[in-house]
Amino acid sequence: MSDHANSWNQASVAGAYAQLEFPNTYYLAYRDLPELICKHISGRRAVDFGCGAGRSTRFLRKLGFETIGIDIAPNMLQKARAIDPEGNYRQVANGDYDALGVGEFDLVQSIFTFDNIAGWETRTSILSGLSRLLKPNGKLVLLDSTEELYVNEWASFTSDPFPENWHAKTGDVVRDIVLDMDDRTPIEDIFWTMSDYEELFHRADLHLEATYKPLGREDEPYQWVNETRIAPWVIFVLSPD
């Protein structure tokens, strides 16, 4: 297990992040998910892995899913329960999810979570544990940052103060600053290349069913910086082999 400190578990950052919904660059992360979920998912039982302050869990509930939000960060879960008292939020340990119900879920969603998970072994163990929750036709929808996020400027982020990001390799710590939050404490993520994501899925016995990279559109009400030509996010749709 890496000693990488999860920036989002800091109390001040957790509080600021809890106030965000879907502004600017974050909007692109969620914009296409309803259509993609409708296309790939049958059934309405879901687990939201790395739910944080609960916005991704609330998102699934609004789509009609019976959702359990899970996270290892107590500060974030406290925020999630305060915002959404009727939600189902549970603290878990990495890779230990069987108590939720093996083979009982149609969807396991993970939004931005793997940006904060270090190490091949830990990532593989987590993905294998999550896949055990899925029904035979269930899917894992994994959304995380592209390599380009950390070396370009965006409506929601700046990485300009961190030129070392340009030399990052899989597993390295990269930094950026979220411009949508008053708290400008640099956020630390774990860099991962697209080819190494594919290797990770292979190690976890997951089949990569589809890959999406949403781009901004000129008719959308945001002041895009690079979002119309470079994708900040990647969405993977995975199924157990």
Protein backbone atom coordinates (compact mmCIF):
# COMPACT_ATOMS: atom_id res chain seq x y z
CA MET A 1 0.00 0.00 0.00
CA SER A 2 1.42 3.41 -0.96
CA ASP A 3 1.76 6.19 1.58
CA HIS A 4 0.17 8.62 -0.88
CA ALA A 5 -1.99 11.05 1.09
CA ASN A 6 -5.47 11.49 -0.35
CA SER A 7 -5.87 15.27 -0.72
CA TRP A 8 -9.66 14.99 -0.64
CA ASN A 9 -9.60 13.53 2.89
CA GLN A 10 -8.31 16.81 4.33
CA ALA A 11 -11.14 18.46 6.27
CA SER A 12 -10.86 21.86 4.54
CA VAL A 13 -10.72 20.35 1.06
CA ALA A 14 -13.55 17.95 1.83
CA GLY A 15 -15.70 20.89 2.88
CA ALA A 16 -14.94 22.89 -0.25
CA TYR A 17 -15.41 19.92 -2.57
CA ALA A 18 -18.73 19.07 -0.94
CA GLN A 19 -20.13 22.36 -2.23
CA LEU A 20 -19.35 21.61 -5.88
CA GLU A 21 -21.97 20.18 -8.18
CA PHE A 22 -21.18 20.04 -11.91
CA PRO A 23 -19.50 23.33 -12.96
CA ASN A 24 -17.23 23.99 -15.94
CA THR A 25 -14.82 21.12 -16.72
CA TYR A 26 -16.60 18.91 -14.17
CA TYR A 27 -19.75 19.26 -16.27
CA LEU A 28 -18.10 17.21 -19.02
CA ALA A 29 -17.49 14.35 -16.60
CA TYR A 30 -21.20 13.94 -15.95
CA ARG A 31 -22.82 15.25 -19.15
CA ASP A 32 -22.80 12.00 -21.12
CA LEU A 33 -23.16 9.55 -18.24
CA PRO A 34 -26.99 9.26 -18.32
CA GLU A 35 -26.91 8.23 -21.98
CA LEU A 36 -23.95 5.89 -21.52
CA ILE A 37 -25.49 4.25 -18.46
CA CYS A 38 -28.78 3.80 -20.31
CA LYS A 39 -26.89 2.20 -23.21
CA HIS A 40 -24.77 -0.21 -21.17
CA ILE A 41 -26.63 -0.91 -17.92
CA SER A 42 -29.72 -3.04 -17.24
CA GLY A 43 -31.27 -2.97 -13.78
CA ARG A 44 -31.27 -0.37 -11.02
CA ARG A 45 -29.01 -1.58 -8.20
CA ALA A 46 -25.73 0.32 -7.92
CA VAL A 47 -22.64 0.87 -5.81
CA ASP A 48 -20.87 4.22 -6.05
CA PHE A 49 -17.22 3.51 -5.22
CA GLY A 50 -15.27 6.44 -3.77
CA CYS A 51 -18.46 8.43 -3.28
CA GLY A 52 -16.68 11.25 -1.43
CA ALA A 53 -19.09 14.01 -0.49
CA GLY A 54 -21.88 12.12 -2.25
CA ARG A 55 -22.50 14.10 -5.41
CA SER A 56 -21.88 11.07 -7.64
CA THR A 57 -24.20 9.00 -5.44
CA ARG A 58 -26.89 11.67 -5.57
CA PHE A 59 -26.41 11.72 -9.34
CA LEU A 60 -27.17 7.99 -9.60
CA ARG A 61 -30.15 8.27 -7.29
CA LYS A 62 -31.61 11.01 -9.51
CA LEU A 63 -31.28 8.57 -12.41
CA GLY A 64 -33.44 6.13 -10.48
CA PHE A 65 -30.78 3.83 -9.05
CA GLU A 66 -30.96 2.26 -5.60
CA THR A 67 -27.43 3.27 -4.65
CA ILE A 68 -24.95 2.56 -1.88
CA GLY A 69 -22.15 5.12 -1.67
CA ILE A 70 -18.88 3.74 -0.29
CA ASP A 71 -15.61 5.44 0.64
CA ILE A 72 -12.58 5.05 2.92
CA ALA A 73 -12.50 8.76 3.88
CA PRO A 74 -14.54 9.57 7.04
CA ASN A 75 -14.44 13.33 6.47
CA MET A 76 -16.03 12.94 3.06
CA LEU A 77 -18.67 10.51 4.30
CA GLN A 78 -19.58 12.94 7.06
CA LYS A 79 -20.20 15.61 4.43
CA ALA A 80 -22.19 13.20 2.27
CA ARG A 81 -24.52 12.24 5.13
CA ALA A 82 -25.00 15.88 6.13
CA ILE A 83 -26.01 16.85 2.59
CA ASP A 84 -28.06 13.71 1.93
CA PRO A 85 -29.44 12.30 5.21
CA GLU A 86 -31.64 9.81 3.37
CA GLY A 87 -28.71 8.38 1.39
CA ASN A 88 -26.98 5.08 2.10
CA TYR A 89 -23.29 5.82 2.77
CA ARG A 90 -20.85 3.29 4.20
CA GLN A 91 -17.17 3.34 5.12
CA VAL A 92 -15.18 0.43 3.67
CA ALA A 93 -11.63 -0.87 3.55
CA ASN A 94 -9.77 -1.16 0.24
CA GLY A 95 -10.71 -4.35 -1.59
CA ASP A 96 -13.15 -5.57 1.09
CA TYR A 97 -16.63 -5.15 -0.35
CA ASP A 98 -18.25 -8.59 -0.12
CA ALA A 99 -20.47 -7.51 2.77
CA LEU A 100 -22.36 -5.28 0.33
CA GLY A 101 -23.57 -8.35 -1.57
CA VAL A 102 -21.57 -10.52 -3.98
CA GLY A 103 -23.20 -10.72 -7.42
CA GLU A 104 -26.08 -8.43 -6.49
CA PHE A 105 -25.44 -5.19 -8.40
CA ASP A 106 -26.09 -4.04 -11.95
CA LEU A 107 -23.63 -1.14 -11.83
CA VAL A 108 -20.50 -0.22 -9.94
CA GLN A 109 -19.65 3.40 -10.62
CA SER A 110 -16.30 5.03 -9.85
CA ILE A 111 -15.85 8.73 -10.60
CA PHE A 112 -12.37 10.26 -10.11
CA THR A 113 -11.55 7.68 -7.43
CA PHE A 114 -8.65 5.97 -9.16
CA ASP A 115 -6.98 9.36 -9.56
CA ASN A 116 -6.21 8.96 -5.85
CA ILE A 117 -5.20 5.29 -5.67
CA ALA A 118 -1.52 4.40 -5.88
CA GLY A 119 0.10 1.12 -6.80
CA TRP A 120 -0.59 -1.68 -9.25
CA GLU A 121 -1.35 -4.23 -6.55
CA THR A 122 -3.80 -2.00 -4.69
CA ARG A 123 -5.60 -0.95 -7.86
CA THR A 124 -5.86 -4.53 -9.10
CA SER A 125 -7.17 -5.76 -5.75
CA ILE A 126 -9.80 -3.01 -5.62
CA LEU A 127 -11.02 -3.65 -9.16
CA SER A 128 -11.21 -7.39 -8.52
CA GLY A 129 -13.18 -6.78 -5.31
CA LEU A 130 -15.59 -4.43 -7.06
CA SER A 131 -16.16 -6.85 -9.94
CA ARG A 132 -17.29 -9.50 -7.42
CA LEU A 133 -20.27 -7.27 -6.60
CA LEU A 134 -21.60 -7.39 -10.16
CA LYS A 135 -24.35 -9.57 -11.50
CA PRO A 136 -23.34 -11.70 -14.53
CA ASN A 137 -24.43 -8.91 -16.89
CA GLY A 138 -23.36 -6.07 -14.60
CA LYS A 139 -20.89 -3.35 -15.59
CA LEU A 140 -18.28 -1.18 -13.95
CA VAL A 141 -18.21 2.43 -15.17
CA LEU A 142 -14.87 4.02 -14.35
CA LEU A 143 -14.31 7.74 -14.94
CA ASP A 144 -10.93 9.36 -14.34
CA SER A 145 -8.52 11.95 -15.63
CA THR A 146 -6.73 11.66 -18.95
CA GLU A 147 -2.97 12.12 -19.17
CA GLU A 148 -3.64 15.51 -20.78
CA LEU A 149 -5.45 16.91 -17.73
CA TYR A 150 -2.19 17.53 -15.90
CA VAL A 151 -0.32 19.36 -18.66
CA ASN A 152 -2.99 21.72 -20.01
CA GLU A 153 -5.14 24.57 -18.75
CA TRP A 154 -8.89 24.19 -18.21
CA ALA A 155 -11.98 26.08 -17.12
CA SER A 156 -11.82 24.29 -13.75
CA PHE A 157 -8.10 23.57 -13.31
CA THR A 158 -4.63 24.98 -13.66
CA SER A 159 -1.47 22.89 -13.70
CA ASP A 160 0.74 25.80 -14.78
CA PRO A 161 2.54 26.01 -11.39
CA PHE A 162 3.63 22.37 -11.73
CA PRO A 163 5.86 21.92 -14.82
CA GLU A 164 7.14 18.64 -13.36
CA ASN A 165 3.80 17.11 -14.41
CA TRP A 166 5.13 16.97 -17.98
CA HIS A 167 7.62 14.27 -16.95
CA ALA A 168 5.18 12.10 -14.98
CA LYS A 169 5.10 8.35 -15.41
CA THR A 170 2.47 5.88 -14.25
CA GLY A 171 2.33 5.91 -10.45
CA ASP A 172 3.89 9.36 -10.03
CA VAL A 173 2.20 12.11 -8.02
CA VAL A 174 0.90 15.00 -10.16
CA ARG A 175 -0.61 18.26 -8.95
CA ASP A 176 -3.16 20.80 -10.05
CA ILE A 177 -5.32 23.51 -8.53
CA VAL A 178 -9.13 23.49 -8.70
CA LEU A 179 -10.26 26.95 -9.78
CA ASP A 180 -13.91 26.29 -8.91
CA MET A 181 -13.14 26.15 -5.17
CA ASP A 182 -12.21 28.98 -2.82
CA ASP A 183 -9.64 26.65 -1.24
CA ARG A 184 -6.71 26.74 -3.68
CA THR A 185 -4.68 24.07 -1.89
CA PRO A 186 -2.97 22.01 -4.64
CA ILE A 187 -4.62 18.66 -5.24
CA GLU A 188 -2.37 15.62 -5.54
CA ASP A 189 -3.39 12.83 -7.91
CA ILE A 190 -1.76 9.65 -9.14
CA PHE A 191 -0.80 9.74 -12.81
CA TRP A 192 -1.75 6.72 -14.95
CA THR A 193 -1.38 6.28 -18.69
CA MET A 194 -4.13 4.93 -20.92
CA SER A 195 -2.05 1.92 -21.94
CA ASP A 196 -1.39 1.09 -18.30
CA TYR A 197 -5.11 1.37 -17.53
CA GLU A 198 -5.66 -1.33 -20.16
CA GLU A 199 -2.98 -3.49 -18.53
CA LEU A 200 -4.61 -2.87 -15.15
CA PHE A 201 -7.96 -4.10 -16.44
CA HIS A 202 -6.28 -7.22 -17.84
CA ARG A 203 -4.71 -7.97 -14.46
CA ALA A 204 -8.10 -7.58 -12.75
CA ASP A 205 -9.78 -9.94 -15.27
CA LEU A 206 -11.99 -7.17 -16.63
CA HIS A 207 -13.04 -6.76 -20.25
CA LEU A 208 -12.89 -3.23 -21.66
CA GLU A 209 -16.23 -2.91 -23.39
CA ALA A 210 -16.10 0.76 -24.41
CA THR A 211 -14.04 3.94 -23.95
CA TYR A 212 -15.37 7.50 -24.15
CA LYS A 213 -13.58 10.87 -24.02
CA PRO A 214 -16.14 13.71 -23.78
CA LEU A 215 -15.32 17.05 -25.42
CA GLY A 216 -16.91 20.44 -24.79
CA ARG A 217 -19.20 22.00 -27.37
CA GLU A 218 -19.22 25.61 -28.48
CA ASP A 219 -22.96 25.96 -27.80
CA GLU A 220 -22.54 25.08 -24.10
CA PRO A 221 -22.72 27.91 -21.51
CA TYR A 222 -19.11 27.60 -20.30
CA GLN A 223 -15.92 29.48 -21.06
CA TRP A 224 -13.96 26.52 -22.34
CA VAL A 225 -10.19 26.77 -22.45
CA ASN A 226 -9.01 23.53 -24.08
CA GLU A 227 -12.08 21.36 -23.48
CA THR A 228 -13.38 21.55 -27.07
CA ARG A 229 -10.26 19.95 -28.53
CA ILE A 230 -8.65 17.95 -25.70
CA ALA A 231 -10.56 15.55 -23.45
CA PRO A 232 -9.89 16.06 -19.72
CA TRP A 233 -11.73 12.87 -18.74
CA VAL A 234 -11.93 9.27 -19.89
CA ILE A 235 -14.87 6.93 -19.22
CA PHE A 236 -14.27 3.17 -19.29
CA VAL A 237 -17.12 0.64 -19.41
CA LEU A 238 -15.92 -2.71 -18.04
CA SER A 239 -17.39 -6.16 -17.54
CA PRO A 240 -16.00 -9.26 -15.80
CA ASP A 241 -14.18 -11.62 -18.16
